[in-house]
Amino acid sequence: MKFYRTKNRLTQEQLGNQLLVSKKTISSWENDRSVPDLETLLKLSDIFNITLDYLLHQDITKTQNIKTQYYIGISSTH
């Protein structure tokens, strides 16, 4: 999400204002501490002018990469 936010030259505060959430919430989404609900994901896809499928696919790919790195780290320590 941060990629699209910065590509659209939006600060966390500006994006938060458009979505009616705090910049802390935006930060939590960008740092994988929480995830937006479906309604917010739809709004994000409109703001960023990308399909919901594309937005979700990017998040899924990122999550899979993080899990892979985590499991590689565990297996290399044992």
N, C-alpha and C. Protein backbone atom coordinates (compact mmCIF):
# COMPACT_ATOMS: atom_id res chain seq x y z
N MET A 1 0.81 -1.19 0.00
CA MET A 1 0.00 0.00 0.00
C MET A 1 0.87 1.26 0.00
N LYS A 2 1.99 1.20 0.71
CA LYS A 2 2.85 2.38 0.77
C LYS A 2 3.34 2.78 -0.62
N PHE A 3 3.64 1.77 -1.46
CA PHE A 3 4.08 2.05 -2.82
C PHE A 3 3.05 2.91 -3.55
N TYR A 4 1.78 2.50 -3.49
CA TYR A 4 0.73 3.23 -4.20
C TYR A 4 0.46 4.58 -3.56
N ARG A 5 0.56 4.64 -2.24
CA ARG A 5 0.34 5.93 -1.57
C ARG A 5 1.40 6.93 -1.99
N THR A 6 2.66 6.51 -1.97
CA THR A 6 3.73 7.44 -2.35
C THR A 6 3.72 7.73 -3.85
N LYS A 7 3.34 6.73 -4.64
CA LYS A 7 3.23 6.95 -6.09
C LYS A 7 2.19 8.03 -6.39
N ASN A 8 1.15 8.07 -5.58
CA ASN A 8 0.09 9.08 -5.74
C ASN A 8 0.39 10.34 -4.94
N ARG A 9 1.59 10.43 -4.42
CA ARG A 9 2.06 11.61 -3.67
C ARG A 9 1.14 11.99 -2.53
N LEU A 10 0.74 10.97 -1.78
CA LEU A 10 -0.11 11.19 -0.62
C LEU A 10 0.67 10.88 0.65
N THR A 11 0.48 11.69 1.66
CA THR A 11 1.03 11.37 2.98
C THR A 11 0.07 10.40 3.66
N GLN A 12 0.53 9.80 4.74
CA GLN A 12 -0.37 8.93 5.50
C GLN A 12 -1.57 9.73 6.00
N GLU A 13 -1.33 10.95 6.41
CA GLU A 13 -2.41 11.79 6.91
C GLU A 13 -3.43 12.11 5.81
N GLN A 14 -2.95 12.43 4.61
CA GLN A 14 -3.85 12.74 3.50
C GLN A 14 -4.70 11.53 3.12
N LEU A 15 -4.07 10.36 3.04
CA LEU A 15 -4.81 9.15 2.71
C LEU A 15 -5.80 8.83 3.81
N GLY A 16 -5.36 8.97 5.05
CA GLY A 16 -6.25 8.74 6.18
C GLY A 16 -7.47 9.65 6.14
N ASN A 17 -7.26 10.91 5.79
CA ASN A 17 -8.38 11.85 5.69
C ASN A 17 -9.38 11.41 4.62
N GLN A 18 -8.89 10.91 3.51
CA GLN A 18 -9.79 10.45 2.44
C GLN A 18 -10.60 9.23 2.88
N LEU A 19 -9.97 8.39 3.72
CA LEU A 19 -10.62 7.16 4.17
C LEU A 19 -11.32 7.30 5.52
N LEU A 20 -11.18 8.48 6.13
CA LEU A 20 -11.75 8.74 7.45
C LEU A 20 -11.14 7.84 8.53
N VAL A 21 -9.83 7.64 8.45
CA VAL A 21 -9.07 6.90 9.47
C VAL A 21 -7.84 7.73 9.83
N SER A 22 -7.18 7.36 10.91
CA SER A 22 -6.01 8.10 11.35
C SER A 22 -4.77 7.69 10.56
N LYS A 23 -3.74 8.54 10.60
CA LYS A 23 -2.49 8.18 9.94
C LYS A 23 -1.84 6.98 10.64
N LYS A 24 -2.15 6.80 11.93
CA LYS A 24 -1.66 5.62 12.67
C LYS A 24 -2.25 4.34 12.07
N THR A 25 -3.51 4.40 11.68
CA THR A 25 -4.15 3.25 11.04
C THR A 25 -3.49 2.94 9.70
N ILE A 26 -3.22 3.97 8.91
CA ILE A 26 -2.53 3.78 7.63
C ILE A 26 -1.17 3.13 7.88
N SER A 27 -0.45 3.62 8.87
CA SER A 27 0.86 3.05 9.21
C SER A 27 0.73 1.58 9.60
N SER A 28 -0.29 1.24 10.37
CA SER A 28 -0.50 -0.16 10.77
C SER A 28 -0.75 -1.06 9.56
N TRP A 29 -1.50 -0.56 8.59
CA TRP A 29 -1.73 -1.34 7.37
C TRP A 29 -0.44 -1.51 6.59
N GLU A 30 0.32 -0.43 6.48
CA GLU A 30 1.55 -0.49 5.69
C GLU A 30 2.62 -1.37 6.33
N ASN A 31 2.54 -1.52 7.65
CA ASN A 31 3.52 -2.33 8.36
C ASN A 31 2.98 -3.70 8.78
N ASP A 32 1.87 -4.09 8.14
CA ASP A 32 1.27 -5.42 8.34
C ASP A 32 0.90 -5.72 9.79
N ARG A 33 0.53 -4.70 10.54
CA ARG A 33 0.05 -4.91 11.91
C ARG A 33 -1.47 -5.11 11.92
N SER A 34 -2.13 -4.65 10.87
CA SER A 34 -3.57 -4.84 10.71
C SER A 34 -3.89 -4.72 9.23
N VAL A 35 -5.13 -5.01 8.89
CA VAL A 35 -5.55 -4.94 7.49
C VAL A 35 -6.85 -4.16 7.36
N PRO A 36 -7.02 -3.46 6.26
CA PRO A 36 -8.28 -2.72 6.06
C PRO A 36 -9.43 -3.67 5.78
N ASP A 37 -10.64 -3.23 6.10
CA ASP A 37 -11.83 -4.03 5.79
C ASP A 37 -12.14 -3.94 4.29
N LEU A 38 -13.10 -4.72 3.85
CA LEU A 38 -13.41 -4.80 2.42
C LEU A 38 -13.86 -3.45 1.85
N GLU A 39 -14.68 -2.74 2.58
CA GLU A 39 -15.15 -1.43 2.11
C GLU A 39 -13.97 -0.48 1.89
N THR A 40 -13.03 -0.51 2.82
CA THR A 40 -11.85 0.35 2.71
C THR A 40 -10.95 -0.10 1.56
N LEU A 41 -10.83 -1.40 1.36
CA LEU A 41 -10.04 -1.90 0.23
C LEU A 41 -10.64 -1.40 -1.09
N LEU A 42 -11.95 -1.40 -1.19
CA LEU A 42 -12.60 -0.88 -2.40
C LEU A 42 -12.29 0.60 -2.60
N LYS A 43 -12.33 1.37 -1.51
CA LYS A 43 -12.00 2.79 -1.59
C LYS A 43 -10.55 2.97 -2.01
N LEU A 44 -9.65 2.14 -1.45
CA LEU A 44 -8.23 2.23 -1.81
C LEU A 44 -8.02 1.95 -3.29
N SER A 45 -8.71 0.95 -3.81
CA SER A 45 -8.55 0.63 -5.23
C SER A 45 -9.02 1.80 -6.10
N ASP A 46 -10.07 2.50 -5.67
CA ASP A 46 -10.53 3.69 -6.39
C ASP A 46 -9.52 4.83 -6.29
N ILE A 47 -9.02 5.08 -5.09
CA ILE A 47 -8.06 6.16 -4.89
C ILE A 47 -6.80 5.93 -5.71
N PHE A 48 -6.31 4.68 -5.69
CA PHE A 48 -5.06 4.36 -6.39
C PHE A 48 -5.29 4.04 -7.87
N ASN A 49 -6.56 3.98 -8.28
CA ASN A 49 -6.92 3.68 -9.67
C ASN A 49 -6.35 2.34 -10.13
N ILE A 50 -6.51 1.33 -9.27
CA ILE A 50 -6.12 -0.04 -9.61
C ILE A 50 -7.28 -0.95 -9.24
N THR A 51 -7.30 -2.13 -9.81
CA THR A 51 -8.39 -3.06 -9.50
C THR A 51 -8.19 -3.64 -8.10
N LEU A 52 -9.28 -4.05 -7.51
CA LEU A 52 -9.21 -4.69 -6.21
C LEU A 52 -8.41 -5.97 -6.29
N ASP A 53 -8.58 -6.72 -7.39
CA ASP A 53 -7.79 -7.94 -7.59
C ASP A 53 -6.30 -7.64 -7.54
N TYR A 54 -5.89 -6.60 -8.22
CA TYR A 54 -4.47 -6.25 -8.26
C TYR A 54 -3.97 -5.83 -6.88
N LEU A 55 -4.76 -5.02 -6.19
CA LEU A 55 -4.38 -4.58 -4.85
C LEU A 55 -4.24 -5.77 -3.91
N LEU A 56 -5.21 -6.68 -3.94
CA LEU A 56 -5.16 -7.86 -3.07
C LEU A 56 -4.02 -8.80 -3.47
N HIS A 57 -3.79 -8.96 -4.74
CA HIS A 57 -2.71 -9.84 -5.20
C HIS A 57 -1.36 -9.34 -4.70
N GLN A 58 -1.17 -8.04 -4.74
CA GLN A 58 0.09 -7.47 -4.27
C GLN A 58 0.28 -7.73 -2.79
N ASP A 59 -0.79 -7.62 -2.00
CA ASP A 59 -0.71 -7.88 -0.57
C ASP A 59 -0.46 -9.36 -0.29
N ILE A 60 -1.12 -10.23 -1.05
CA ILE A 60 -0.92 -11.67 -0.86
C ILE A 60 0.52 -12.05 -1.20
N THR A 61 1.05 -11.52 -2.30
CA THR A 61 2.42 -11.81 -2.70
C THR A 61 3.39 -11.33 -1.63
N LYS A 62 3.16 -10.15 -1.09
CA LYS A 62 4.03 -9.62 -0.04
C LYS A 62 3.98 -10.51 1.19
N THR A 63 2.79 -10.94 1.59
CA THR A 63 2.63 -11.80 2.76
C THR A 63 3.34 -13.14 2.54
N GLN A 64 3.19 -13.71 1.34
CA GLN A 64 3.86 -14.98 1.05
C GLN A 64 5.38 -14.83 1.10
N ASN A 65 5.90 -13.74 0.61
CA ASN A 65 7.34 -13.50 0.65
C ASN A 65 7.83 -13.37 2.08
N ILE A 66 7.08 -12.69 2.93
CA ILE A 66 7.45 -12.54 4.34
C ILE A 66 7.45 -13.90 5.03
N LYS A 67 6.41 -14.71 4.77
CA LYS A 67 6.35 -16.05 5.38
C LYS A 67 7.51 -16.91 4.91
N THR A 68 7.83 -16.84 3.62
CA THR A 68 8.94 -17.62 3.08
C THR A 68 10.25 -17.23 3.75
N GLN A 69 10.48 -15.94 3.89
CA GLN A 69 11.70 -15.47 4.55
C GLN A 69 11.74 -15.93 5.99
N TYR A 70 10.60 -15.92 6.67
CA TYR A 70 10.53 -16.36 8.05
C TYR A 70 10.88 -17.83 8.16
N TYR A 71 10.28 -18.67 7.32
CA TYR A 71 10.53 -20.10 7.39
C TYR A 71 11.96 -20.46 6.98
N ILE A 72 12.50 -19.75 6.03
CA ILE A 72 13.90 -19.97 5.65
C ILE A 72 14.80 -19.62 6.84
N GLY A 73 14.49 -18.56 7.53
CA GLY A 73 15.25 -18.15 8.70
C GLY A 73 15.20 -19.20 9.81
N ILE A 74 14.04 -19.79 10.02
CA ILE A 74 13.87 -20.83 11.05
C ILE A 74 14.67 -22.07 10.67
N SER A 75 14.54 -22.52 9.42
CA SER A 75 15.21 -23.76 9.04
C SER A 75 16.72 -23.60 8.97
N SER A 76 17.21 -22.40 8.74
CA SER A 76 18.66 -22.21 8.68
C SER A 76 19.28 -22.16 10.07
N THR A 77 18.45 -21.93 11.11
CA THR A 77 18.96 -21.89 12.48
C THR A 77 18.94 -23.27 13.12
N HIS A 78 18.30 -24.23 12.49
CA HIS A 78 18.21 -25.59 13.06
C HIS A 78 19.05 -26.55 12.28
